[in-house]
Structures are given as C-alpha cells and as structure tokens.
N, C-alpha and C. Protein backbone atom coordinates (compact mmCIF):
# COMPACT_ATOMS: atom_id res chain seq x y z
N UNK A 1 -39.07 67.28 -79.61
CA UNK A 1 -40.28 67.74 -78.97
C UNK A 1 -40.77 66.65 -78.03
N UNK A 2 -41.19 67.04 -76.84
CA UNK A 2 -41.71 66.09 -75.87
C UNK A 2 -43.19 65.83 -76.09
N UNK A 3 -43.73 64.83 -75.40
CA UNK A 3 -45.14 64.51 -75.56
C UNK A 3 -46.01 65.58 -74.91
N UNK A 4 -47.21 65.73 -75.39
CA UNK A 4 -48.19 66.58 -74.73
C UNK A 4 -48.99 65.68 -73.79
N UNK A 5 -48.77 65.84 -72.50
CA UNK A 5 -49.47 65.03 -71.51
C UNK A 5 -50.40 65.97 -70.76
N UNK A 6 -51.67 65.64 -70.78
CA UNK A 6 -52.68 66.47 -70.15
C UNK A 6 -53.05 65.88 -68.80
N UNK A 7 -52.24 66.13 -67.79
CA UNK A 7 -52.48 65.58 -66.47
C UNK A 7 -51.79 64.24 -66.30
N UNK A 8 -51.28 64.00 -65.10
CA UNK A 8 -50.63 62.72 -64.81
C UNK A 8 -51.70 61.65 -64.62
N UNK A 9 -51.42 60.45 -65.13
CA UNK A 9 -52.39 59.38 -64.99
C UNK A 9 -51.72 58.02 -65.09
N UNK A 10 -52.40 57.04 -64.53
CA UNK A 10 -52.01 55.65 -64.65
C UNK A 10 -53.24 54.89 -65.10
N UNK A 11 -53.06 54.02 -66.07
CA UNK A 11 -54.17 53.23 -66.60
C UNK A 11 -53.84 51.76 -66.41
N UNK A 12 -54.73 51.01 -65.77
CA UNK A 12 -54.57 49.57 -65.66
C UNK A 12 -55.32 48.95 -66.83
N UNK A 13 -54.61 48.28 -67.71
CA UNK A 13 -55.19 47.75 -68.94
C UNK A 13 -56.30 46.73 -68.67
N UNK A 14 -56.12 45.89 -67.65
CA UNK A 14 -57.08 44.81 -67.38
C UNK A 14 -57.43 44.09 -68.68
N UNK A 15 -58.71 43.96 -69.01
CA UNK A 15 -59.10 43.30 -70.26
C UNK A 15 -59.82 44.28 -71.19
N UNK A 16 -59.43 45.54 -71.10
CA UNK A 16 -60.06 46.58 -71.92
C UNK A 16 -59.81 46.35 -73.41
N UNK A 17 -60.75 46.77 -74.24
CA UNK A 17 -60.52 46.67 -75.68
C UNK A 17 -59.42 47.63 -76.12
N UNK A 18 -58.68 47.22 -77.14
CA UNK A 18 -57.62 48.03 -77.72
C UNK A 18 -57.87 48.10 -79.21
N UNK A 19 -57.80 49.30 -79.75
CA UNK A 19 -58.02 49.44 -81.19
C UNK A 19 -57.21 50.62 -81.73
N UNK A 20 -57.06 50.65 -83.02
CA UNK A 20 -56.44 51.80 -83.67
C UNK A 20 -57.52 52.53 -84.45
N UNK A 21 -57.30 53.80 -84.60
CA UNK A 21 -58.24 54.63 -85.35
C UNK A 21 -57.42 55.53 -86.27
N UNK A 22 -57.77 55.54 -87.54
CA UNK A 22 -57.10 56.41 -88.49
C UNK A 22 -58.15 57.15 -89.30
N UNK A 23 -57.74 58.24 -89.86
CA UNK A 23 -58.67 59.03 -90.66
C UNK A 23 -58.28 60.49 -90.63
N UNK A 24 -59.26 61.34 -90.53
CA UNK A 24 -59.03 62.78 -90.48
C UNK A 24 -59.59 63.32 -89.16
N UNK A 25 -58.87 64.29 -88.60
CA UNK A 25 -59.35 64.91 -87.36
C UNK A 25 -60.42 65.96 -87.67
N UNK A 26 -60.83 66.68 -86.66
CA UNK A 26 -61.88 67.68 -86.83
C UNK A 26 -61.50 68.80 -87.79
N UNK A 27 -60.19 68.99 -88.00
CA UNK A 27 -59.71 70.05 -88.89
C UNK A 27 -59.34 69.52 -90.27
N UNK A 28 -59.62 68.23 -90.52
CA UNK A 28 -59.34 67.64 -91.82
C UNK A 28 -57.93 67.12 -92.00
N UNK A 29 -57.11 67.18 -90.95
CA UNK A 29 -55.74 66.69 -91.04
C UNK A 29 -55.72 65.18 -90.80
N UNK A 30 -54.80 64.45 -91.45
CA UNK A 30 -54.68 63.02 -91.19
C UNK A 30 -54.33 62.76 -89.73
N UNK A 31 -54.90 61.72 -89.16
CA UNK A 31 -54.60 61.37 -87.78
C UNK A 31 -54.57 59.86 -87.62
N UNK A 32 -53.81 59.43 -86.62
CA UNK A 32 -53.72 58.02 -86.26
C UNK A 32 -53.53 57.94 -84.75
N UNK A 33 -54.26 57.02 -84.14
CA UNK A 33 -54.13 56.89 -82.69
C UNK A 33 -54.47 55.49 -82.22
N UNK A 34 -53.94 55.17 -81.06
CA UNK A 34 -54.20 53.92 -80.36
C UNK A 34 -55.19 54.25 -79.25
N UNK A 35 -56.27 53.49 -79.16
CA UNK A 35 -57.29 53.76 -78.15
C UNK A 35 -57.43 52.53 -77.25
N UNK A 36 -57.34 52.78 -75.95
CA UNK A 36 -57.51 51.73 -74.95
C UNK A 36 -58.79 52.04 -74.19
N UNK A 37 -59.70 51.08 -74.14
CA UNK A 37 -60.97 51.27 -73.45
C UNK A 37 -62.08 51.57 -74.44
N UNK A 38 -63.24 51.89 -73.89
CA UNK A 38 -64.37 52.21 -74.75
C UNK A 38 -65.25 53.26 -74.09
N UNK A 39 -66.07 53.88 -74.89
CA UNK A 39 -67.02 54.88 -74.44
C UNK A 39 -66.35 55.94 -73.56
N UNK A 40 -66.86 56.15 -72.37
CA UNK A 40 -66.35 57.21 -71.51
C UNK A 40 -65.09 56.80 -70.74
N UNK A 41 -64.74 55.53 -70.78
CA UNK A 41 -63.57 55.05 -70.06
C UNK A 41 -62.49 54.67 -71.06
N UNK A 42 -61.87 55.65 -71.66
CA UNK A 42 -60.84 55.36 -72.66
C UNK A 42 -59.72 56.38 -72.59
N UNK A 43 -58.61 56.00 -73.16
CA UNK A 43 -57.46 56.88 -73.30
C UNK A 43 -56.91 56.65 -74.70
N UNK A 44 -56.44 57.71 -75.31
CA UNK A 44 -55.90 57.60 -76.67
C UNK A 44 -54.47 58.10 -76.70
N UNK A 45 -53.64 57.42 -77.47
CA UNK A 45 -52.28 57.86 -77.74
C UNK A 45 -52.24 58.20 -79.21
N UNK A 46 -52.11 59.48 -79.50
CA UNK A 46 -52.10 59.93 -80.89
C UNK A 46 -50.68 59.93 -81.41
N UNK A 47 -50.49 59.37 -82.59
CA UNK A 47 -49.16 59.31 -83.20
C UNK A 47 -49.11 60.10 -84.50
N UNK A 48 -50.07 60.95 -84.71
CA UNK A 48 -50.16 61.71 -85.96
C UNK A 48 -48.93 62.56 -86.22
N UNK A 49 -48.30 63.07 -85.16
CA UNK A 49 -47.12 63.92 -85.32
C UNK A 49 -45.83 63.21 -84.97
N UNK A 50 -45.88 61.90 -84.85
CA UNK A 50 -44.71 61.11 -84.47
C UNK A 50 -44.01 60.55 -85.71
N UNK A 51 -42.73 60.28 -85.54
CA UNK A 51 -41.97 59.64 -86.62
C UNK A 51 -42.23 58.14 -86.61
N UNK A 52 -42.03 57.47 -87.74
CA UNK A 52 -42.15 56.01 -87.73
C UNK A 52 -41.21 55.36 -86.71
N UNK A 53 -40.05 55.94 -86.50
CA UNK A 53 -39.11 55.39 -85.51
C UNK A 53 -39.69 55.47 -84.10
N UNK A 54 -40.39 56.55 -83.79
CA UNK A 54 -40.98 56.69 -82.46
C UNK A 54 -42.13 55.69 -82.26
N UNK A 55 -42.90 55.45 -83.31
CA UNK A 55 -43.98 54.46 -83.22
C UNK A 55 -43.38 53.06 -83.07
N UNK A 56 -42.25 52.80 -83.74
CA UNK A 56 -41.56 51.51 -83.57
C UNK A 56 -41.06 51.36 -82.14
N UNK A 57 -40.62 52.45 -81.54
CA UNK A 57 -40.19 52.42 -80.14
C UNK A 57 -41.36 52.09 -79.22
N UNK A 58 -42.53 52.62 -79.53
CA UNK A 58 -43.74 52.30 -78.78
C UNK A 58 -44.07 50.81 -78.91
N UNK A 59 -43.93 50.27 -80.12
CA UNK A 59 -44.19 48.84 -80.34
C UNK A 59 -43.21 47.98 -79.56
N UNK A 60 -41.95 48.39 -79.50
CA UNK A 60 -40.94 47.65 -78.74
C UNK A 60 -41.28 47.68 -77.25
N UNK A 61 -41.71 48.83 -76.76
CA UNK A 61 -42.09 48.92 -75.35
C UNK A 61 -43.28 48.01 -75.06
N UNK A 62 -44.24 47.94 -75.98
CA UNK A 62 -45.38 47.04 -75.81
C UNK A 62 -44.92 45.58 -75.79
N UNK A 63 -43.95 45.24 -76.61
CA UNK A 63 -43.41 43.87 -76.62
C UNK A 63 -42.74 43.55 -75.28
N UNK A 64 -42.04 44.52 -74.71
CA UNK A 64 -41.42 44.32 -73.41
C UNK A 64 -42.48 44.12 -72.32
N UNK A 65 -43.56 44.88 -72.40
CA UNK A 65 -44.66 44.69 -71.45
C UNK A 65 -45.28 43.31 -71.58
N UNK A 66 -45.43 42.84 -72.81
CA UNK A 66 -45.98 41.50 -73.04
C UNK A 66 -45.09 40.44 -72.41
N UNK A 67 -43.78 40.59 -72.56
CA UNK A 67 -42.84 39.64 -71.97
C UNK A 67 -42.94 39.66 -70.44
N UNK A 68 -43.07 40.84 -69.86
CA UNK A 68 -43.21 40.94 -68.40
C UNK A 68 -44.51 40.29 -67.93
N UNK A 69 -45.60 40.52 -68.66
CA UNK A 69 -46.89 39.92 -68.30
C UNK A 69 -46.82 38.40 -68.36
N UNK A 70 -46.13 37.86 -69.37
CA UNK A 70 -45.97 36.41 -69.48
C UNK A 70 -45.19 35.87 -68.29
N UNK A 71 -44.12 36.58 -67.92
CA UNK A 71 -43.31 36.13 -66.79
C UNK A 71 -44.12 36.19 -65.49
N UNK A 72 -44.88 37.25 -65.29
CA UNK A 72 -45.70 37.36 -64.07
C UNK A 72 -46.76 36.26 -64.02
N UNK A 73 -47.33 35.91 -65.17
CA UNK A 73 -48.32 34.84 -65.22
C UNK A 73 -47.69 33.50 -64.86
N UNK A 74 -46.47 33.25 -65.36
CA UNK A 74 -45.77 32.01 -65.01
C UNK A 74 -45.45 31.97 -63.52
N UNK A 75 -44.98 33.09 -62.98
CA UNK A 75 -44.63 33.13 -61.56
C UNK A 75 -45.85 32.95 -60.68
N UNK A 76 -46.99 33.40 -61.13
CA UNK A 76 -48.22 33.29 -60.34
C UNK A 76 -48.64 31.84 -60.16
N UNK A 77 -48.19 30.94 -61.03
CA UNK A 77 -48.56 29.53 -60.92
C UNK A 77 -47.68 28.78 -59.93
N UNK A 78 -46.58 29.38 -59.51
CA UNK A 78 -45.67 28.72 -58.57
C UNK A 78 -46.18 28.88 -57.14
N UNK A 79 -45.90 27.89 -56.29
CA UNK A 79 -46.31 28.03 -54.88
C UNK A 79 -45.47 29.11 -54.20
N UNK A 80 -46.08 29.79 -53.23
CA UNK A 80 -45.35 30.81 -52.48
C UNK A 80 -44.40 30.13 -51.51
N UNK A 81 -43.24 30.75 -51.34
CA UNK A 81 -42.23 30.23 -50.43
C UNK A 81 -42.05 31.24 -49.31
N UNK A 82 -42.03 30.75 -48.07
CA UNK A 82 -41.88 31.66 -46.92
C UNK A 82 -40.47 32.16 -46.80
C-alpha cells in the first residue's frame, strides 16, 4: 500500500520543533505520529498503519539527511573558489 498524500508539498525544517505523539485517535484506535512544527504551521507523518520495518526505513532516511546537513555545514565554512 502506498502513502496517503493529501496534496504535494515541500517543508523546510529550519529550526522547527519536532516531536512524537502517541495515544488514541478520534475513533479510539491507537495512533503514533511524528509532528514537525507547532500550532497552525505543522505537518504530521502518521505511522499508525506502518510496519516497524517501514518506520526503521524512515529513521535511516533521517540519518542520511543528518549526514548531508553535516556535510553542507562543513562545506559552508570553506572559502568559495572561482
């Protein structure tokens, strides 16, 4: 089964808060989600219907993003070359 994506979007993380939320949804079913942002400026990735392997894949992708961000930060300290 593919993801349910409600409209195409791009989110720039910047320094937004990141948190997880677990509990029960409005229908009483167990739910778990990752929330980026706060109040009206947030996006959630729900993993309630995902397998543990798929959540591990998400964690691996986040680790790859962290490695890229570290590399970009290191490169930003170097002088520009014409």
